Amino acid sequence: MYEIDTREASDVLAVDASAPDNHKAAPKTLVADFATRGLSLLDNTEGLCWGPDLPNGHRLLVAVSDDNFNPLQITQFAAFEFTG
């Protein structure tokens, strides 16, 4: 999971196709590698949402992955305490 800052990126609404010289990508910072956190089966993450504030004042972030109707994948939710 990456944090990005779109303020430094180019507006590409009118760009037909991206090329190295016609846009500036948003800078990104890795904030969580699911595989190194014991979540290697969380392989098809398609959604993120904020949950309620936690008692300690931090936020709850919920991720969801779906199974794509594939018996080798599973639908699952993972909840994280956001401290940033």
PDB file of N, CA and C in Angstrom:
ATOM      1  N   MET A   1       0.851  -1.146   0.000  1.00  0.00           N
ATOM      2  CA  MET A   1       0.000   0.000   0.000  1.00  0.00           C
ATOM      3  C   MET A   1       0.911   1.227   0.000  1.00  0.00           C
ATOM      4  N   TYR A   2       0.581   2.161  -0.870  1.00  0.00           N
ATOM      5  CA  TYR A   2       1.381   3.368  -1.013  1.00  0.00           C
ATOM      6  C   TYR A   2       0.588   4.606  -0.624  1.00  0.00           C
ATOM      7  N   GLU A   3       1.281   5.585  -0.092  1.00  0.00           N
ATOM      8  CA  GLU A   3       0.721   6.920   0.099  1.00  0.00           C
ATOM      9  C   GLU A   3       1.216   7.760  -1.066  1.00  0.00           C
ATOM     10  N   ILE A   4       0.320   8.493  -1.706  1.00  0.00           N
ATOM     11  CA  ILE A   4       0.719   9.350  -2.819  1.00  0.00           C
ATOM     12  C   ILE A   4       0.327  10.790  -2.527  1.00  0.00           C
ATOM     13  N   ASP A   5       0.987  11.710  -3.221  1.00  0.00           N
ATOM     14  CA  ASP A   5       0.678  13.134  -3.104  1.00  0.00           C
ATOM     15  C   ASP A   5       0.409  13.649  -4.512  1.00  0.00           C
ATOM     16  N   THR A   6      -0.853  13.809  -4.834  1.00  0.00           N
ATOM     17  CA  THR A   6      -1.224  14.213  -6.196  1.00  0.00           C
ATOM     18  C   THR A   6      -0.928  15.683  -6.478  1.00  0.00           C
ATOM     19  N   ARG A   7      -0.612  16.471  -5.462  1.00  0.00           N
ATOM     20  CA  ARG A   7      -0.345  17.894  -5.687  1.00  0.00           C
ATOM     21  C   ARG A   7       0.870  18.127  -6.568  1.00  0.00           C
ATOM     22  N   GLU A   8       1.815  17.188  -6.587  1.00  0.00           N
ATOM     23  CA  GLU A   8       3.023  17.357  -7.388  1.00  0.00           C
ATOM     24  C   GLU A   8       2.927  16.680  -8.753  1.00  0.00           C
ATOM     25  N   ALA A   9       1.821  16.020  -9.038  1.00  0.00           N
ATOM     26  CA  ALA A   9       1.656  15.297 -10.299  1.00  0.00           C
ATOM     27  C   ALA A   9       1.027  16.195 -11.361  1.00  0.00           C
ATOM     28  N   SER A  10       1.203  15.795 -12.605  1.00  0.00           N
ATOM     29  CA  SER A  10       0.598  16.517 -13.722  1.00  0.00           C
ATOM     30  C   SER A  10      -0.881  16.199 -13.836  1.00  0.00           C
ATOM     31  N   ASP A  11      -1.624  17.172 -14.333  1.00  0.00           N
ATOM     32  CA  ASP A  11      -3.014  16.941 -14.696  1.00  0.00           C
ATOM     33  C   ASP A  11      -2.995  16.289 -16.076  1.00  0.00           C
ATOM     34  N   VAL A  12      -3.456  15.052 -16.168  1.00  0.00           N
ATOM     35  CA  VAL A  12      -3.391  14.306 -17.430  1.00  0.00           C
ATOM     36  C   VAL A  12      -4.769  14.085 -18.052  1.00  0.00           C
ATOM     37  N   LEU A  13      -5.737  14.865 -17.633  1.00  0.00           N
ATOM     38  CA  LEU A  13      -7.083  14.697 -18.153  1.00  0.00           C
ATOM     39  C   LEU A  13      -7.136  14.805 -19.680  1.00  0.00           C
ATOM     40  N   ALA A  14      -6.356  15.695 -20.259  1.00  0.00           N
ATOM     41  CA  ALA A  14      -6.392  15.897 -21.715  1.00  0.00           C
ATOM     42  C   ALA A  14      -5.291  15.129 -22.450  1.00  0.00           C
ATOM     43  N   VAL A  15      -4.548  14.273 -21.749  1.00  0.00           N
ATOM     44  CA  VAL A  15      -3.460  13.505 -22.378  1.00  0.00           C
ATOM     45  C   VAL A  15      -4.030  12.199 -22.909  1.00  0.00           C
ATOM     46  N   ASP A  16      -3.840  11.942 -24.207  1.00  0.00           N
ATOM     47  CA  ASP A  16      -4.371  10.719 -24.813  1.00  0.00           C
ATOM     48  C   ASP A  16      -3.649   9.464 -24.343  1.00  0.00           C
ATOM     49  N   ALA A  17      -2.331   9.539 -24.198  1.00  0.00           N
ATOM     50  CA  ALA A  17      -1.537   8.388 -23.765  1.00  0.00           C
ATOM     51  C   ALA A  17      -0.313   8.910 -23.020  1.00  0.00           C
ATOM     52  N   SER A  18       0.027   8.264 -21.928  1.00  0.00           N
ATOM     53  CA  SER A  18       1.186   8.732 -21.178  1.00  0.00           C
ATOM     54  C   SER A  18       2.476   8.323 -21.871  1.00  0.00           C
ATOM     55  N   ALA A  19       3.450   9.194 -21.782  1.00  0.00           N
ATOM     56  CA  ALA A  19       4.794   8.971 -22.312  1.00  0.00           C
ATOM     57  C   ALA A  19       5.752   9.618 -21.323  1.00  0.00           C
ATOM     58  N   PRO A  20       7.012   9.199 -21.308  1.00  0.00           N
ATOM     59  CA  PRO A  20       7.940   9.724 -20.306  1.00  0.00           C
ATOM     60  C   PRO A  20       8.062  11.249 -20.280  1.00  0.00           C
ATOM     61  N   ASP A  21       7.828  11.896 -21.408  1.00  0.00           N
ATOM     62  CA  ASP A  21       8.056  13.345 -21.466  1.00  0.00           C
ATOM     63  C   ASP A  21       6.782  14.196 -21.388  1.00  0.00           C
ATOM     64  N   ASN A  22       5.616  13.601 -21.167  1.00  0.00           N
ATOM     65  CA  ASN A  22       4.405  14.422 -21.181  1.00  0.00           C
ATOM     66  C   ASN A  22       3.652  14.464 -19.848  1.00  0.00           C
ATOM     67  N   HIS A  23       4.272  14.003 -18.779  1.00  0.00           N
ATOM     68  CA  HIS A  23       3.617  14.084 -17.473  1.00  0.00           C
ATOM     69  C   HIS A  23       4.633  13.893 -16.359  1.00  0.00           C
ATOM     70  N   LYS A  24       4.234  14.297 -15.178  1.00  0.00           N
ATOM     71  CA  LYS A  24       5.036  14.046 -13.976  1.00  0.00           C
ATOM     72  C   LYS A  24       4.185  13.168 -13.062  1.00  0.00           C
ATOM     73  N   ALA A  25       4.696  12.010 -12.720  1.00  0.00           N
ATOM     74  CA  ALA A  25       3.970  11.069 -11.861  1.00  0.00           C
ATOM     75  C   ALA A  25       3.906  11.590 -10.431  1.00  0.00           C
ATOM     76  N   ALA A  26       2.878  11.173  -9.722  1.00  0.00           N
ATOM     77  CA  ALA A  26       2.752  11.521  -8.301  1.00  0.00           C
ATOM     78  C   ALA A  26       3.803  10.763  -7.511  1.00  0.00           C
ATOM     79  N   PRO A  27       4.515  11.440  -6.615  1.00  0.00           N
ATOM     80  CA  PRO A  27       5.470  10.706  -5.776  1.00  0.00           C
ATOM     81  C   PRO A  27       4.711   9.774  -4.829  1.00  0.00           C
ATOM     82  N   LYS A  28       5.314   8.616  -4.566  1.00  0.00           N
ATOM     83  CA  LYS A  28       4.660   7.651  -3.685  1.00  0.00           C
ATOM     84  C   LYS A  28       5.649   7.118  -2.666  1.00  0.00           C
ATOM     85  N   THR A  29       5.100   6.739  -1.517  1.00  0.00           N
ATOM     86  CA  THR A  29       5.891   6.190  -0.425  1.00  0.00           C
ATOM     87  C   THR A  29       5.222   4.908   0.044  1.00  0.00           C
ATOM     88  N   LEU A  30       5.978   3.824   0.100  1.00  0.00           N
ATOM     89  CA  LEU A  30       5.450   2.560   0.598  1.00  0.00           C
ATOM     90  C   LEU A  30       5.161   2.705   2.089  1.00  0.00           C
ATOM     91  N   VAL A  31       3.917   2.425   2.487  1.00  0.00           N
ATOM     92  CA  VAL A  31       3.556   2.514   3.904  1.00  0.00           C
ATOM     93  C   VAL A  31       3.244   1.150   4.502  1.00  0.00           C
ATOM     94  N   ALA A  32       2.911   0.169   3.663  1.00  0.00           N
ATOM     95  CA  ALA A  32       2.650  -1.177   4.186  1.00  0.00           C
ATOM     96  C   ALA A  32       2.833  -2.197   3.077  1.00  0.00           C
ATOM     97  N   ASP A  33       3.685  -3.178   3.314  1.00  0.00           N
ATOM     98  CA  ASP A  33       3.860  -4.311   2.405  1.00  0.00           C
ATOM     99  C   ASP A  33       3.088  -5.466   3.017  1.00  0.00           C
ATOM    100  N   PHE A  34       1.922  -5.768   2.456  1.00  0.00           N
ATOM    101  CA  PHE A  34       1.049  -6.776   3.042  1.00  0.00           C
ATOM    102  C   PHE A  34       1.753  -8.123   3.200  1.00  0.00           C
ATOM    103  N   ALA A  35       2.605  -8.499   2.264  1.00  0.00           N
ATOM    104  CA  ALA A  35       3.277  -9.798   2.322  1.00  0.00           C
ATOM    105  C   ALA A  35       4.192  -9.894   3.546  1.00  0.00           C
ATOM    106  N   THR A  36       4.850  -8.805   3.918  1.00  0.00           N
ATOM    107  CA  THR A  36       5.758  -8.847   5.076  1.00  0.00           C
ATOM    108  C   THR A  36       5.008  -8.726   6.395  1.00  0.00           C
ATOM    109  N   ARG A  37       3.714  -8.478   6.341  1.00  0.00           N
ATOM    110  CA  ARG A  37       2.895  -8.363   7.551  1.00  0.00           C
ATOM    111  C   ARG A  37       2.028  -9.600   7.756  1.00  0.00           C
ATOM    112  N   GLY A  38       2.403 -10.694   7.073  1.00  0.00           N
ATOM    113  CA  GLY A  38       1.664 -11.935   7.246  1.00  0.00           C
ATOM    114  C   GLY A  38       0.363 -11.984   6.463  1.00  0.00           C
ATOM    115  N   LEU A  39       0.215 -11.108   5.486  1.00  0.00           N
ATOM    116  CA  LEU A  39      -1.017 -11.039   4.706  1.00  0.00           C
ATOM    117  C   LEU A  39      -0.762 -11.389   3.245  1.00  0.00           C
ATOM    118  N   SER A  40       0.062 -12.405   3.007  1.00  0.00           N
ATOM    119  CA  SER A  40       0.406 -12.760   1.627  1.00  0.00           C
ATOM    120  C   SER A  40      -0.814 -13.211   0.830  1.00  0.00           C
ATOM    121  N   LEU A  41      -1.876 -13.665   1.501  1.00  0.00           N
ATOM    122  CA  LEU A  41      -3.084 -14.070   0.786  1.00  0.00           C
ATOM    123  C   LEU A  41      -3.966 -12.887   0.415  1.00  0.00           C
ATOM    124  N   LEU A  42      -3.653 -11.712   0.905  1.00  0.00           N
ATOM    125  CA  LEU A  42      -4.393 -10.502   0.554  1.00  0.00           C
ATOM    126  C   LEU A  42      -3.823 -10.014  -0.781  1.00  0.00           C
ATOM    127  N   ASP A  43      -4.121 -10.770  -1.853  1.00  0.00           N
ATOM    128  CA  ASP A  43      -3.424 -10.571  -3.129  1.00  0.00           C
ATOM    129  C   ASP A  43      -4.203  -9.768  -4.156  1.00  0.00           C
ATOM    130  N   ASN A  44      -5.416  -9.416  -3.877  1.00  0.00           N
ATOM    131  CA  ASN A  44      -6.240  -8.735  -4.868  1.00  0.00           C
ATOM    132  C   ASN A  44      -6.968  -7.580  -4.184  1.00  0.00           C
ATOM    133  N   THR A  45      -6.212  -6.731  -3.530  1.00  0.00           N
ATOM    134  CA  THR A  45      -6.809  -5.646  -2.763  1.00  0.00           C
ATOM    135  C   THR A  45      -7.460  -4.650  -3.707  1.00  0.00           C
ATOM    136  N   GLU A  46      -8.761  -4.450  -3.521  1.00  0.00           N
ATOM    137  CA  GLU A  46      -9.507  -3.578  -4.426  1.00  0.00           C
ATOM    138  C   GLU A  46     -10.197  -2.429  -3.726  1.00  0.00           C
ATOM    139  N   GLY A  47     -10.199  -2.426  -2.430  1.00  0.00           N
ATOM    140  CA  GLY A  47     -10.901  -1.350  -1.747  1.00  0.00           C
ATOM    141  C   GLY A  47     -10.249  -0.991  -0.435  1.00  0.00           C
ATOM    142  N   LEU A  48     -10.329   0.289  -0.100  1.00  0.00           N
ATOM    143  CA  LEU A  48      -9.869   0.809   1.180  1.00  0.00           C
ATOM    144  C   LEU A  48     -10.932   1.762   1.690  1.00  0.00           C
ATOM    145  N   CYS A  49     -11.161   1.760   2.985  1.00  0.00           N
ATOM    146  CA  CYS A  49     -12.071   2.759   3.554  1.00  0.00           C
ATOM    147  C   CYS A  49     -11.663   3.031   4.986  1.00  0.00           C
ATOM    148  N   TRP A  50     -11.989   4.230   5.427  1.00  0.00           N
ATOM    149  CA  TRP A  50     -11.750   4.600   6.815  1.00  0.00           C
ATOM    150  C   TRP A  50     -12.846   4.025   7.679  1.00  0.00           C
ATOM    151  N   GLY A  51     -12.473   3.497   8.804  1.00  0.00           N
ATOM    152  CA  GLY A  51     -13.433   3.060   9.799  1.00  0.00           C
ATOM    153  C   GLY A  51     -13.559   4.130  10.868  1.00  0.00           C
ATOM    154  N   PRO A  52     -14.156   3.787  11.979  1.00  0.00           N
ATOM    155  CA  PRO A  52     -14.327   4.773  13.051  1.00  0.00           C
ATOM    156  C   PRO A  52     -12.998   5.089  13.742  1.00  0.00           C
ATOM    157  N   ASP A  53     -12.975   6.200  14.430  1.00  0.00           N
ATOM    158  CA  ASP A  53     -11.817   6.521  15.261  1.00  0.00           C
ATOM    159  C   ASP A  53     -11.677   5.455  16.343  1.00  0.00           C
ATOM    160  N   LEU A  54     -10.451   5.095  16.646  1.00  0.00           N
ATOM    161  CA  LEU A  54     -10.174   4.131  17.706  1.00  0.00           C
ATOM    162  C   LEU A  54     -10.137   4.853  19.048  1.00  0.00           C
ATOM    163  N   PRO A  55     -10.283   4.137  20.149  1.00  0.00           N
ATOM    164  CA  PRO A  55     -10.285   4.784  21.469  1.00  0.00           C
ATOM    165  C   PRO A  55      -9.029   5.611  21.747  1.00  0.00           C
ATOM    166  N   ASN A  56      -7.888   5.242  21.128  1.00  0.00           N
ATOM    167  CA  ASN A  56      -6.644   5.982  21.363  1.00  0.00           C
ATOM    168  C   ASN A  56      -6.500   7.207  20.451  1.00  0.00           C
ATOM    169  N   GLY A  57      -7.526   7.485  19.636  1.00  0.00           N
ATOM    170  CA  GLY A  57      -7.490   8.651  18.755  1.00  0.00           C
ATOM    171  C   GLY A  57      -6.977   8.358  17.357  1.00  0.00           C
ATOM    172  N   HIS A  58      -6.399   7.186  17.144  1.00  0.00           N
ATOM    173  CA  HIS A  58      -5.945   6.818  15.808  1.00  0.00           C
ATOM    174  C   HIS A  58      -7.140   6.425  14.940  1.00  0.00           C
ATOM    175  N   ARG A  59      -6.904   6.284  13.637  1.00  0.00           N
ATOM    176  CA  ARG A  59      -7.977   5.905  12.717  1.00  0.00           C
ATOM    177  C   ARG A  59      -7.872   4.425  12.372  1.00  0.00           C
ATOM    178  N   LEU A  60      -9.003   3.839  11.998  1.00  0.00           N
ATOM    179  CA  LEU A  60      -9.055   2.465  11.519  1.00  0.00           C
ATOM    180  C   LEU A  60      -9.123   2.511  10.001  1.00  0.00           C
ATOM    181  N   LEU A  61      -8.258   1.757   9.328  1.00  0.00           N
ATOM    182  CA  LEU A  61      -8.261   1.653   7.873  1.00  0.00           C
ATOM    183  C   LEU A  61      -8.571   0.202   7.520  1.00  0.00           C
ATOM    184  N   VAL A  62      -9.584  -0.009   6.688  1.00  0.00           N
ATOM    185  CA  VAL A  62     -10.012  -1.354   6.328  1.00  0.00           C
ATOM    186  C   VAL A  62      -9.710  -1.586   4.849  1.00  0.00           C
ATOM    187  N   ALA A  63      -9.061  -2.717   4.539  1.00  0.00           N
ATOM    188  CA  ALA A  63      -8.771  -3.123   3.165  1.00  0.00           C
ATOM    189  C   ALA A  63      -9.597  -4.362   2.846  1.00  0.00           C
ATOM    190  N   VAL A  64     -10.011  -4.493   1.589  1.00  0.00           N
ATOM    191  CA  VAL A  64     -10.772  -5.669   1.169  1.00  0.00           C
ATOM    192  C   VAL A  64     -10.179  -6.219  -0.122  1.00  0.00           C
ATOM    193  N   SER A  65     -10.107  -7.535  -0.192  1.00  0.00           N
ATOM    194  CA  SER A  65      -9.724  -8.224  -1.425  1.00  0.00           C
ATOM    195  C   SER A  65     -10.841  -9.192  -1.771  1.00  0.00           C
ATOM    196  N   ASP A  66     -11.047  -9.415  -3.065  1.00  0.00           N
ATOM    197  CA  ASP A  66     -12.119 -10.354  -3.420  1.00  0.00           C
ATOM    198  C   ASP A  66     -11.540 -11.586  -4.101  1.00  0.00           C
ATOM    199  N   ASP A  67     -12.376 -12.597  -4.258  1.00  0.00           N
ATOM    200  CA  ASP A  67     -11.910 -13.879  -4.778  1.00  0.00           C
ATOM    201  C   ASP A  67     -12.034 -14.017  -6.292  1.00  0.00           C
ATOM    202  N   ASN A  68     -12.577 -13.018  -6.981  1.00  0.00           N
ATOM    203  CA  ASN A  68     -12.717 -13.076  -8.441  1.00  0.00           C
ATOM    204  C   ASN A  68     -13.435 -14.334  -8.911  1.00  0.00           C
ATOM    205  N   PHE A  69     -14.280 -14.898  -8.072  1.00  0.00           N
ATOM    206  CA  PHE A  69     -14.977 -16.150  -8.387  1.00  0.00           C
ATOM    207  C   PHE A  69     -13.991 -17.274  -8.693  1.00  0.00           C
ATOM    208  N   ASN A  70     -12.824 -17.185  -8.073  1.00  0.00           N
ATOM    209  CA  ASN A  70     -11.744 -18.147  -8.285  1.00  0.00           C
ATOM    210  C   ASN A  70     -11.602 -18.980  -7.000  1.00  0.00           C
ATOM    211  N   PRO A  71     -11.720 -20.301  -7.074  1.00  0.00           N
ATOM    212  CA  PRO A  71     -11.616 -21.125  -5.860  1.00  0.00           C
ATOM    213  C   PRO A  71     -10.233 -21.079  -5.204  1.00  0.00           C
ATOM    214  N   LEU A  72      -9.225 -20.573  -5.908  1.00  0.00           N
ATOM    215  CA  LEU A  72      -7.886 -20.477  -5.333  1.00  0.00           C
ATOM    216  C   LEU A  72      -7.667 -19.166  -4.587  1.00  0.00           C
ATOM    217  N   GLN A  73      -8.637 -18.246  -4.657  1.00  0.00           N
ATOM    218  CA  GLN A  73      -8.539 -16.973  -3.961  1.00  0.00           C
ATOM    219  C   GLN A  73      -9.663 -16.893  -2.925  1.00  0.00           C
ATOM    220  N   ILE A  74      -9.517 -15.976  -1.975  1.00  0.00           N
ATOM    221  CA  ILE A  74     -10.559 -15.798  -0.962  1.00  0.00           C
ATOM    222  C   ILE A  74     -10.898 -14.314  -0.835  1.00  0.00           C
ATOM    223  N   THR A  75     -12.132 -14.049  -0.447  1.00  0.00           N
ATOM    224  CA  THR A  75     -12.529 -12.689  -0.105  1.00  0.00           C
ATOM    225  C   THR A  75     -12.182 -12.476   1.355  1.00  0.00           C
ATOM    226  N   GLN A  76     -11.516 -11.376   1.633  1.00  0.00           N
ATOM    227  CA  GLN A  76     -11.163 -11.122   3.024  1.00  0.00           C
ATOM    228  C   GLN A  76     -11.030  -9.634   3.299  1.00  0.00           C
ATOM    229  N   PHE A  77     -11.182  -9.297   4.551  1.00  0.00           N
ATOM    230  CA  PHE A  77     -11.022  -7.933   5.035  1.00  0.00           C
ATOM    231  C   PHE A  77      -9.838  -7.899   5.989  1.00  0.00           C
ATOM    232  N   ALA A  78      -9.091  -6.815   5.970  1.00  0.00           N
ATOM    233  CA  ALA A  78      -8.001  -6.621   6.923  1.00  0.00           C
ATOM    234  C   ALA A  78      -8.141  -5.218   7.493  1.00  0.00           C
ATOM    235  N   ALA A  79      -7.999  -5.097   8.796  1.00  0.00           N
ATOM    236  CA  ALA A  79      -8.117  -3.801   9.467  1.00  0.00           C
ATOM    237  C   ALA A  79      -6.768  -3.394  10.033  1.00  0.00           C
ATOM    238  N   PHE A  80      -6.450  -2.125   9.867  1.00  0.00           N
ATOM    239  CA  PHE A  80      -5.164  -1.584  10.309  1.00  0.00           C
ATOM    240  C   PHE A  80      -5.384  -0.357  11.177  1.00  0.00           C
ATOM    241  N   GLU A  81      -4.533  -0.192  12.161  1.00  0.00           N
ATOM    242  CA  GLU A  81      -4.524   1.034  12.951  1.00  0.00           C
ATOM    243  C   GLU A  81      -3.637   2.033  12.232  1.00  0.00           C
ATOM    244  N   PHE A  82      -4.192   3.154  11.835  1.00  0.00           N
ATOM    245  CA  PHE A  82      -3.440   4.189  11.119  1.00  0.00           C
ATOM    246  C   PHE A  82      -2.918   5.171  12.143  1.00  0.00           C
ATOM    247  N   THR A  83      -1.590   5.313  12.200  1.00  0.00           N
ATOM    248  CA  THR A  83      -0.983   6.165  13.207  1.00  0.00           C
ATOM    249  C   THR A  83      -0.387   7.441  12.637  1.00  0.00           C
ATOM    250  N   GLY A  84      -0.505   7.628  11.330  1.00  0.00           N
ATOM    251  CA  GLY A  84       0.104   8.799  10.675  1.00  0.00           C
ATOM    252  C   GLY A  84      -0.745   9.939  10.755  1.00  0.00           C
TER     253      GLY A  84
END
